Amino acid sequence: HTPAVLITRGRIDQQLGKIAALTPHDERLKSFRLLI
């Protein structure tokens, strides 16, 4: 899943920002669950 891929690559602070910026609705739900 896109948020899971993002969090495993690069600097964590940058990746968290990228995860928060995902726009498709289903990706936002996954992002929400992952960030929690």
PDB file of all heavy atoms in Angstrom:
ATOM      1  N   HIS A   1       0.847  -1.193   0.000  1.00  0.00           N
ATOM      2  CA  HIS A   1       0.000   0.000   0.000  1.00  0.00           C
ATOM      3  C   HIS A   1       0.886   1.249   0.000  1.00  0.00           C
ATOM      4  O   HIS A   1       1.922   1.275   0.669  1.00  0.00           O
ATOM      5  CB  HIS A   1      -0.924   0.023   1.214  1.00  0.00           C
ATOM      6  CG  HIS A   1      -2.058  -0.934   1.110  1.00  0.00           C
ATOM      7  ND1 HIS A   1      -2.569  -1.595   2.199  1.00  0.00           N
ATOM      8  CD2 HIS A   1      -2.790  -1.352   0.054  1.00  0.00           C
ATOM      9  CE1 HIS A   1      -3.568  -2.360   1.822  1.00  0.00           C
ATOM     10  NE2 HIS A   1      -3.713  -2.242   0.520  1.00  0.00           N
ATOM     11  N   THR A   2       0.475   2.245  -0.735  1.00  0.00           N
ATOM     12  CA  THR A   2       1.303   3.445  -0.917  1.00  0.00           C
ATOM     13  C   THR A   2       1.813   4.040   0.396  1.00  0.00           C
ATOM     14  O   THR A   2       3.016   4.299   0.511  1.00  0.00           O
ATOM     15  CB  THR A   2       0.547   4.503  -1.751  1.00  0.00           C
ATOM     16  OG1 THR A   2       0.170   3.910  -2.994  1.00  0.00           O
ATOM     17  CG2 THR A   2       1.403   5.733  -1.989  1.00  0.00           C
ATOM     18  N   PRO A   3       0.973   4.279   1.405  1.00  0.00           N
ATOM     19  CA  PRO A   3       1.521   4.845   2.642  1.00  0.00           C
ATOM     20  C   PRO A   3       2.571   3.938   3.294  1.00  0.00           C
ATOM     21  O   PRO A   3       3.559   4.423   3.844  1.00  0.00           O
ATOM     22  CB  PRO A   3       0.292   5.000   3.546  1.00  0.00           C
ATOM     23  CG  PRO A   3      -0.867   5.037   2.626  1.00  0.00           C
ATOM     24  CD  PRO A   3      -0.488   4.158   1.465  1.00  0.00           C
ATOM     25  N   ALA A   4       2.367   2.621   3.202  1.00  0.00           N
ATOM     26  CA  ALA A   4       3.324   1.679   3.782  1.00  0.00           C
ATOM     27  C   ALA A   4       4.654   1.719   3.035  1.00  0.00           C
ATOM     28  O   ALA A   4       5.720   1.649   3.645  1.00  0.00           O
ATOM     29  CB  ALA A   4       2.748   0.264   3.773  1.00  0.00           C
ATOM     30  N   VAL A   5       4.581   1.849   1.724  1.00  0.00           N
ATOM     31  CA  VAL A   5       5.805   1.947   0.926  1.00  0.00           C
ATOM     32  C   VAL A   5       6.546   3.240   1.283  1.00  0.00           C
ATOM     33  O   VAL A   5       7.758   3.241   1.505  1.00  0.00           O
ATOM     34  CB  VAL A   5       5.493   1.902  -0.591  1.00  0.00           C
ATOM     35  CG1 VAL A   5       6.725   2.250  -1.421  1.00  0.00           C
ATOM     36  CG2 VAL A   5       4.944   0.531  -0.974  1.00  0.00           C
ATOM     37  N   LEU A   6       5.805   4.329   1.364  1.00  0.00           N
ATOM     38  CA  LEU A   6       6.434   5.621   1.654  1.00  0.00           C
ATOM     39  C   LEU A   6       7.148   5.638   3.000  1.00  0.00           C
ATOM     40  O   LEU A   6       8.255   6.151   3.112  1.00  0.00           O
ATOM     41  CB  LEU A   6       5.394   6.746   1.604  1.00  0.00           C
ATOM     42  CG  LEU A   6       4.900   7.151   0.229  1.00  0.00           C
ATOM     43  CD1 LEU A   6       3.738   8.134   0.335  1.00  0.00           C
ATOM     44  CD2 LEU A   6       6.033   7.751  -0.599  1.00  0.00           C
ATOM     45  N   ILE A   7       6.512   5.068   4.029  1.00  0.00           N
ATOM     46  CA  ILE A   7       7.097   5.168   5.370  1.00  0.00           C
ATOM     47  C   ILE A   7       8.394   4.374   5.508  1.00  0.00           C
ATOM     48  O   ILE A   7       9.178   4.619   6.411  1.00  0.00           O
ATOM     49  CB  ILE A   7       6.089   4.784   6.461  1.00  0.00           C
ATOM     50  CG1 ILE A   7       6.553   5.380   7.790  1.00  0.00           C
ATOM     51  CG2 ILE A   7       5.899   3.285   6.550  1.00  0.00           C
ATOM     52  CD1 ILE A   7       5.497   5.554   8.792  1.00  0.00           C
ATOM     53  N   THR A   8       8.617   3.455   4.591  1.00  0.00           N
ATOM     54  CA  THR A   8       9.837   2.637   4.677  1.00  0.00           C
ATOM     55  C   THR A   8      10.998   3.213   3.874  1.00  0.00           C
ATOM     56  O   THR A   8      12.075   2.621   3.847  1.00  0.00           O
ATOM     57  CB  THR A   8       9.567   1.201   4.194  1.00  0.00           C
ATOM     58  OG1 THR A   8       9.139   1.236   2.836  1.00  0.00           O
ATOM     59  CG2 THR A   8       8.528   0.519   5.062  1.00  0.00           C
ATOM     60  N   ARG A   9      10.780   4.352   3.228  1.00  0.00           N
ATOM     61  CA  ARG A   9      11.824   4.929   2.370  1.00  0.00           C
ATOM     62  C   ARG A   9      12.137   6.355   2.759  1.00  0.00           C
ATOM     63  O   ARG A   9      11.248   7.182   2.887  1.00  0.00           O
ATOM     64  CB  ARG A   9      11.355   4.925   0.930  1.00  0.00           C
ATOM     65  CG  ARG A   9      11.028   3.534   0.466  1.00  0.00           C
ATOM     66  CD  ARG A   9      11.136   3.432  -1.016  1.00  0.00           C
ATOM     67  NE  ARG A   9      11.056   2.043  -1.394  1.00  0.00           N
ATOM     68  CZ  ARG A   9      10.195   1.567  -2.259  1.00  0.00           C
ATOM     69  NH1 ARG A   9       9.358   2.367  -2.857  1.00  0.00           N
ATOM     70  NH2 ARG A   9      10.190   0.283  -2.551  1.00  0.00           N
ATOM     71  N   GLY A  10      13.408   6.669   2.911  1.00  0.00           N
ATOM     72  CA  GLY A  10      13.815   8.053   3.146  1.00  0.00           C
ATOM     73  C   GLY A  10      13.667   8.499   4.585  1.00  0.00           C
ATOM     74  O   GLY A  10      13.349   7.721   5.479  1.00  0.00           O
ATOM     75  N   ARG A  11      13.918   9.792   4.785  1.00  0.00           N
ATOM     76  CA  ARG A  11      13.841  10.383   6.123  1.00  0.00           C
ATOM     77  C   ARG A  11      12.400  10.366   6.616  1.00  0.00           C
ATOM     78  O   ARG A  11      11.491  10.769   5.911  1.00  0.00           O
ATOM     79  CB  ARG A  11      14.357  11.819   6.082  1.00  0.00           C
ATOM     80  CG  ARG A  11      15.854  11.907   5.892  1.00  0.00           C
ATOM     81  CD  ARG A  11      16.351  13.310   5.915  1.00  0.00           C
ATOM     82  NE  ARG A  11      15.591  14.143   6.843  1.00  0.00           N
ATOM     83  CZ  ARG A  11      15.729  15.451   6.936  1.00  0.00           C
ATOM     84  NH1 ARG A  11      16.575  16.085   6.168  1.00  0.00           N
ATOM     85  NH2 ARG A  11      15.004  16.143   7.787  1.00  0.00           N
ATOM     86  N   ILE A  12      12.215   9.940   7.851  1.00  0.00           N
ATOM     87  CA  ILE A  12      10.874   9.748   8.393  1.00  0.00           C
ATOM     88  C   ILE A  12      10.056  11.038   8.367  1.00  0.00           C
ATOM     89  O   ILE A  12       8.880  11.013   8.021  1.00  0.00           O
ATOM     90  CB  ILE A  12      10.921   9.126   9.809  1.00  0.00           C
ATOM     91  CG1 ILE A  12       9.533   8.730  10.291  1.00  0.00           C
ATOM     92  CG2 ILE A  12      11.564  10.062  10.809  1.00  0.00           C
ATOM     93  CD1 ILE A  12       9.005   7.468   9.722  1.00  0.00           C
ATOM     94  N   ASP A  13      10.655  12.174   8.700  1.00  0.00           N
ATOM     95  CA  ASP A  13       9.884  13.417   8.722  1.00  0.00           C
ATOM     96  C   ASP A  13       9.377  13.778   7.327  1.00  0.00           C
ATOM     97  O   ASP A  13       8.239  14.202   7.159  1.00  0.00           O
ATOM     98  CB  ASP A  13      10.685  14.558   9.336  1.00  0.00           C
ATOM     99  CG  ASP A  13      12.008  14.822   8.633  1.00  0.00           C
ATOM    100  OD1 ASP A  13      12.572  13.903   8.015  1.00  0.00           O
ATOM    101  OD2 ASP A  13      12.484  15.972   8.713  1.00  0.00           O
ATOM    102  N   GLN A  14      10.194  13.556   6.319  1.00  0.00           N
ATOM    103  CA  GLN A  14       9.774  13.828   4.946  1.00  0.00           C
ATOM    104  C   GLN A  14       8.697  12.839   4.499  1.00  0.00           C
ATOM    105  O   GLN A  14       7.729  13.208   3.839  1.00  0.00           O
ATOM    106  CB  GLN A  14      10.960  13.766   3.997  1.00  0.00           C
ATOM    107  CG  GLN A  14      11.947  14.887   4.203  1.00  0.00           C
ATOM    108  CD  GLN A  14      13.191  14.726   3.348  1.00  0.00           C
ATOM    109  OE1 GLN A  14      13.432  13.678   2.756  1.00  0.00           O
ATOM    110  NE2 GLN A  14      13.995  15.781   3.285  1.00  0.00           N
ATOM    111  N   GLN A  15       8.855  11.585   4.870  1.00  0.00           N
ATOM    112  CA  GLN A  15       7.904  10.554   4.451  1.00  0.00           C
ATOM    113  C   GLN A  15       6.548  10.768   5.113  1.00  0.00           C
ATOM    114  O   GLN A  15       5.508  10.556   4.490  1.00  0.00           O
ATOM    115  CB  GLN A  15       8.450   9.163   4.741  1.00  0.00           C
ATOM    116  CG  GLN A  15       9.740   8.841   3.985  1.00  0.00           C
ATOM    117  CD  GLN A  15       9.668   9.171   2.503  1.00  0.00           C
ATOM    118  OE1 GLN A  15      10.058  10.237   2.060  1.00  0.00           O
ATOM    119  NE2 GLN A  15       9.122   8.255   1.733  1.00  0.00           N
ATOM    120  N   LEU A  16       6.550  11.180   6.374  1.00  0.00           N
ATOM    121  CA  LEU A  16       5.286  11.456   7.056  1.00  0.00           C
ATOM    122  C   LEU A  16       4.529  12.574   6.344  1.00  0.00           C
ATOM    123  O   LEU A  16       3.315  12.503   6.179  1.00  0.00           O
ATOM    124  CB  LEU A  16       5.538  11.820   8.522  1.00  0.00           C
ATOM    125  CG  LEU A  16       6.040  10.685   9.407  1.00  0.00           C
ATOM    126  CD1 LEU A  16       6.503  11.226  10.756  1.00  0.00           C
ATOM    127  CD2 LEU A  16       4.983   9.610   9.595  1.00  0.00           C
ATOM    128  N   GLY A  17       5.250  13.593   5.893  1.00  0.00           N
ATOM    129  CA  GLY A  17       4.627  14.674   5.135  1.00  0.00           C
ATOM    130  C   GLY A  17       4.054  14.194   3.812  1.00  0.00           C
ATOM    131  O   GLY A  17       2.959  14.605   3.409  1.00  0.00           O
ATOM    132  N   LYS A  18       4.761  13.294   3.139  1.00  0.00           N
ATOM    133  CA  LYS A  18       4.263  12.739   1.871  1.00  0.00           C
ATOM    134  C   LYS A  18       3.012  11.900   2.102  1.00  0.00           C
ATOM    135  O   LYS A  18       2.067  11.952   1.313  1.00  0.00           O
ATOM    136  CB  LYS A  18       5.338  11.887   1.195  1.00  0.00           C
ATOM    137  CG  LYS A  18       6.495  12.690   0.635  1.00  0.00           C
ATOM    138  CD  LYS A  18       7.546  11.769   0.049  1.00  0.00           C
ATOM    139  CE  LYS A  18       8.769  12.546  -0.402  1.00  0.00           C
ATOM    140  NZ  LYS A  18       9.813  11.643  -0.917  1.00  0.00           N
ATOM    141  N   ILE A  19       3.010  11.136   3.174  1.00  0.00           N
ATOM    142  CA  ILE A  19       1.845  10.311   3.502  1.00  0.00           C
ATOM    143  C   ILE A  19       0.643  11.215   3.775  1.00  0.00           C
ATOM    144  O   ILE A  19      -0.458  10.960   3.297  1.00  0.00           O
ATOM    145  CB  ILE A  19       2.151   9.391   4.704  1.00  0.00           C
ATOM    146  CG1 ILE A  19       3.190   8.340   4.291  1.00  0.00           C
ATOM    147  CG2 ILE A  19       0.880   8.730   5.242  1.00  0.00           C
ATOM    148  CD1 ILE A  19       3.822   7.611   5.457  1.00  0.00           C
ATOM    149  N   ALA A  20       0.865  12.275   4.522  1.00  0.00           N
ATOM    150  CA  ALA A  20      -0.221  13.208   4.851  1.00  0.00           C
ATOM    151  C   ALA A  20      -0.753  13.916   3.611  1.00  0.00           C
ATOM    152  O   ALA A  20      -1.908  14.335   3.583  1.00  0.00           O
ATOM    153  CB  ALA A  20       0.259  14.232   5.876  1.00  0.00           C
ATOM    154  N   ALA A  21       0.064  14.025   2.569  1.00  0.00           N
ATOM    155  CA  ALA A  21      -0.325  14.755   1.358  1.00  0.00           C
ATOM    156  C   ALA A  21      -1.000  13.877   0.299  1.00  0.00           C
ATOM    157  O   ALA A  21      -1.428  14.401  -0.729  1.00  0.00           O
ATOM    158  CB  ALA A  21       0.908  15.432   0.759  1.00  0.00           C
ATOM    159  N   LEU A  22      -1.097  12.569   0.534  1.00  0.00           N
ATOM    160  CA  LEU A  22      -1.765  11.710  -0.449  1.00  0.00           C
ATOM    161  C   LEU A  22      -3.213  12.166  -0.619  1.00  0.00           C
ATOM    162  O   LEU A  22      -3.879  12.512   0.349  1.00  0.00           O
ATOM    163  CB  LEU A  22      -1.710  10.246  -0.013  1.00  0.00           C
ATOM    164  CG  LEU A  22      -0.325   9.605  -0.034  1.00  0.00           C
ATOM    165  CD1 LEU A  22      -0.368   8.219   0.608  1.00  0.00           C
ATOM    166  CD2 LEU A  22       0.220   9.517  -1.450  1.00  0.00           C
ATOM    167  N   THR A  23      -3.706  12.168  -1.873  1.00  0.00           N
ATOM    168  CA  THR A  23      -5.037  12.733  -2.105  1.00  0.00           C
ATOM    169  C   THR A  23      -6.161  11.758  -2.439  1.00  0.00           C
ATOM    170  O   THR A  23      -7.301  12.052  -2.117  1.00  0.00           O
ATOM    171  CB  THR A  23      -4.985  13.821  -3.203  1.00  0.00           C
ATOM    172  OG1 THR A  23      -4.410  13.254  -4.379  1.00  0.00           O
ATOM    173  CG2 THR A  23      -4.177  15.007  -2.744  1.00  0.00           C
ATOM    174  N   PRO A  24      -5.931  10.628  -3.083  1.00  0.00           N
ATOM    175  CA  PRO A  24      -7.089   9.754  -3.346  1.00  0.00           C
ATOM    176  C   PRO A  24      -7.747   9.344  -2.029  1.00  0.00           C
ATOM    177  O   PRO A  24      -7.069   9.101  -1.027  1.00  0.00           O
ATOM    178  CB  PRO A  24      -6.477   8.540  -4.055  1.00  0.00           C
ATOM    179  CG  PRO A  24      -5.182   9.034  -4.607  1.00  0.00           C
ATOM    180  CD  PRO A  24      -4.695  10.076  -3.630  1.00  0.00           C
ATOM    181  N   HIS A  25      -9.080   9.251  -2.034  1.00  0.00           N
ATOM    182  CA  HIS A  25      -9.832   8.965  -0.817  1.00  0.00           C
ATOM    183  C   HIS A  25      -9.357   7.687  -0.116  1.00  0.00           C
ATOM    184  O   HIS A  25      -9.132   7.688   1.102  1.00  0.00           O
ATOM    185  CB  HIS A  25     -11.333   8.873  -1.114  1.00  0.00           C
ATOM    186  CG  HIS A  25     -12.156   8.573   0.093  1.00  0.00           C
ATOM    187  ND1 HIS A  25     -12.356   9.505   1.085  1.00  0.00           N
ATOM    188  CD2 HIS A  25     -12.798   7.441   0.483  1.00  0.00           C
ATOM    189  CE1 HIS A  25     -13.096   8.958   2.042  1.00  0.00           C
ATOM    190  NE2 HIS A  25     -13.383   7.712   1.694  1.00  0.00           N
ATOM    191  N   ASP A  26      -9.201   6.605  -0.863  1.00  0.00           N
ATOM    192  CA  ASP A  26      -8.778   5.354  -0.219  1.00  0.00           C
ATOM    193  C   ASP A  26      -7.369   5.460   0.358  1.00  0.00           C
ATOM    194  O   ASP A  26      -7.066   4.867   1.388  1.00  0.00           O
ATOM    195  CB  ASP A  26      -8.912   4.152  -1.165  1.00  0.00           C
ATOM    196  CG  ASP A  26      -8.021   4.240  -2.383  1.00  0.00           C
ATOM    197  OD1 ASP A  26      -7.834   5.355  -2.912  1.00  0.00           O
ATOM    198  OD2 ASP A  26      -7.524   3.192  -2.827  1.00  0.00           O
ATOM    199  N   GLU A  27      -6.507   6.242  -0.269  1.00  0.00           N
ATOM    200  CA  GLU A  27      -5.149   6.444   0.254  1.00  0.00           C
ATOM    201  C   GLU A  27      -5.191   7.287   1.526  1.00  0.00           C
ATOM    202  O   GLU A  27      -4.401   7.087   2.441  1.00  0.00           O
ATOM    203  CB  GLU A  27      -4.240   7.099  -0.784  1.00  0.00           C
ATOM    204  CG  GLU A  27      -3.986   6.255  -2.009  1.00  0.00           C
ATOM    205  CD  GLU A  27      -3.285   4.922  -1.739  1.00  0.00           C
ATOM    206  OE1 GLU A  27      -2.658   4.761  -0.673  1.00  0.00           O
ATOM    207  OE2 GLU A  27      -3.383   4.040  -2.601  1.00  0.00           O
ATOM    208  N   ARG A  28      -6.128   8.230   1.585  1.00  0.00           N
ATOM    209  CA  ARG A  28      -6.263   9.054   2.787  1.00  0.00           C
ATOM    210  C   ARG A  28      -6.696   8.207   3.981  1.00  0.00           C
ATOM    211  O   ARG A  28      -6.218   8.416   5.090  1.00  0.00           O
ATOM    212  CB  ARG A  28      -7.244  10.191   2.561  1.00  0.00           C
ATOM    213  CG  ARG A  28      -6.651  11.271   1.724  1.00  0.00           C
ATOM    214  CD  ARG A  28      -7.587  12.442   1.565  1.00  0.00           C
ATOM    215  NE  ARG A  28      -6.811  13.481   0.929  1.00  0.00           N
ATOM    216  CZ  ARG A  28      -6.574  14.658   1.467  1.00  0.00           C
ATOM    217  NH1 ARG A  28      -7.090  14.970   2.623  1.00  0.00           N
ATOM    218  NH2 ARG A  28      -5.834  15.533   0.843  1.00  0.00           N
ATOM    219  N   LEU A  29      -7.591   7.270   3.745  1.00  0.00           N
ATOM    220  CA  LEU A  29      -8.010   6.386   4.839  1.00  0.00           C
ATOM    221  C   LEU A  29      -6.844   5.523   5.317  1.00  0.00           C
ATOM    222  O   LEU A  29      -6.641   5.338   6.516  1.00  0.00           O
ATOM    223  CB  LEU A  29      -9.178   5.500   4.400  1.00  0.00           C
ATOM    224  CG  LEU A  29     -10.520   6.207   4.248  1.00  0.00           C
ATOM    225  CD1 LEU A  29     -11.566   5.245   3.681  1.00  0.00           C
ATOM    226  CD2 LEU A  29     -10.982   6.780   5.566  1.00  0.00           C
ATOM    227  N   LYS A  30      -6.082   4.999   4.384  1.00  0.00           N
ATOM    228  CA  LYS A  30      -4.901   4.203   4.751  1.00  0.00           C
ATOM    229  C   LYS A  30      -3.883   5.082   5.476  1.00  0.00           C
ATOM    230  O   LYS A  30      -3.272   4.652   6.460  1.00  0.00           O
ATOM    231  CB  LYS A  30      -4.267   3.584   3.509  1.00  0.00           C
ATOM    232  CG  LYS A  30      -5.118   2.523   2.854  1.00  0.00           C
ATOM    233  CD  LYS A  30      -4.506   2.096   1.536  1.00  0.00           C
ATOM    234  CE  LYS A  30      -5.488   1.287   0.718  1.00  0.00           C
ATOM    235  NZ  LYS A  30      -5.059   1.135  -0.668  1.00  0.00           N
ATOM    236  N   SER A  31      -3.703   6.302   4.985  1.00  0.00           N
ATOM    237  CA  SER A  31      -2.777   7.242   5.623  1.00  0.00           C
ATOM    238  C   SER A  31      -3.209   7.534   7.049  1.00  0.00           C
ATOM    239  O   SER A  31      -2.379   7.582   7.965  1.00  0.00           O
ATOM    240  CB  SER A  31      -2.691   8.540   4.824  1.00  0.00           C
ATOM    241  OG  SER A  31      -2.146   8.298   3.552  1.00  0.00           O
ATOM    242  N   PHE A  32      -4.509   7.759   7.237  1.00  0.00           N
ATOM    243  CA  PHE A  32      -5.039   8.038   8.568  1.00  0.00           C
ATOM    244  C   PHE A  32      -4.726   6.879   9.513  1.00  0.00           C
ATOM    245  O   PHE A  32      -4.187   7.082  10.609  1.00  0.00           O
ATOM    246  CB  PHE A  32      -6.551   8.280   8.475  1.00  0.00           C
ATOM    247  CG  PHE A  32      -7.211   8.556   9.798  1.00  0.00           C
ATOM    248  CD1 PHE A  32      -7.040   9.777  10.440  1.00  0.00           C
ATOM    249  CD2 PHE A  32      -8.018   7.597  10.395  1.00  0.00           C
ATOM    250  CE1 PHE A  32      -7.660  10.039  11.662  1.00  0.00           C
ATOM    251  CE2 PHE A  32      -8.643   7.851  11.614  1.00  0.00           C
ATOM    252  CZ  PHE A  32      -8.464   9.072  12.235  1.00  0.00           C
ATOM    253  N   ARG A  33      -5.049   5.664   9.091  1.00  0.00           N
ATOM    254  CA  ARG A  33      -4.785   4.497   9.922  1.00  0.00           C
ATOM    255  C   ARG A  33      -3.303   4.348  10.226  1.00  0.00           C
ATOM    256  O   ARG A  33      -2.914   4.049  11.363  1.00  0.00           O
ATOM    257  CB  ARG A  33      -5.331   3.233   9.248  1.00  0.00           C
ATOM    258  CG  ARG A  33      -6.844   3.220   9.229  1.00  0.00           C
ATOM    259  CD  ARG A  33      -7.498   2.041   8.535  1.00  0.00           C
ATOM    260  NE  ARG A  33      -6.692   0.875   8.322  1.00  0.00           N
ATOM    261  CZ  ARG A  33      -6.707   0.165   7.197  1.00  0.00           C
ATOM    262  NH1 ARG A  33      -7.476   0.504   6.189  1.00  0.00           N
ATOM    263  NH2 ARG A  33      -5.957  -0.903   7.082  1.00  0.00           N
ATOM    264  N   LEU A  34      -2.462   4.560   9.212  1.00  0.00           N
ATOM    265  CA  LEU A  34      -1.020   4.411   9.414  1.00  0.00           C
ATOM    266  C   LEU A  34      -0.467   5.487  10.346  1.00  0.00           C
ATOM    267  O   LEU A  34       0.308   5.184  11.248  1.00  0.00           O
ATOM    268  CB  LEU A  34      -0.279   4.435   8.077  1.00  0.00           C
ATOM    269  CG  LEU A  34       1.235   4.266   8.180  1.00  0.00           C
ATOM    270  CD1 LEU A  34       1.612   2.932   8.838  1.00  0.00           C
ATOM    271  CD2 LEU A  34       1.884   4.376   6.808  1.00  0.00           C
ATOM    272  N   LEU A  35      -0.869   6.723  10.142  1.00  0.00           N
ATOM    273  CA  LEU A  35      -0.347   7.801  10.985  1.00  0.00           C
ATOM    274  C   LEU A  35      -0.796   7.643  12.436  1.00  0.00           C
ATOM    275  O   LEU A  35      -0.026   7.930  13.360  1.00  0.00           O
ATOM    276  CB  LEU A  35      -0.734   9.168  10.425  1.00  0.00           C
ATOM    277  CG  LEU A  35      -0.050   9.528   9.104  1.00  0.00           C
ATOM    278  CD1 LEU A  35      -0.619  10.826   8.544  1.00  0.00           C
ATOM    279  CD2 LEU A  35       1.455   9.620   9.256  1.00  0.00           C
ATOM    280  N   ILE A  36      -2.014   7.161  12.653  1.00  0.00           N
ATOM    281  CA  ILE A  36      -2.449   6.873  14.032  1.00  0.00           C
ATOM    282  C   ILE A  36      -1.549   5.791  14.626  1.00  0.00           C
ATOM    283  O   ILE A  36      -1.107   5.891  15.772  1.00  0.00           O
ATOM    284  CB  ILE A  36      -3.935   6.434  14.073  1.00  0.00           C
ATOM    285  CG1 ILE A  36      -4.865   7.608  13.753  1.00  0.00           C
ATOM    286  CG2 ILE A  36      -4.286   5.789  15.420  1.00  0.00           C
ATOM    287  CD1 ILE A  36      -4.959   8.679  14.823  1.00  0.00           C
TER     288      ILE A  36
END
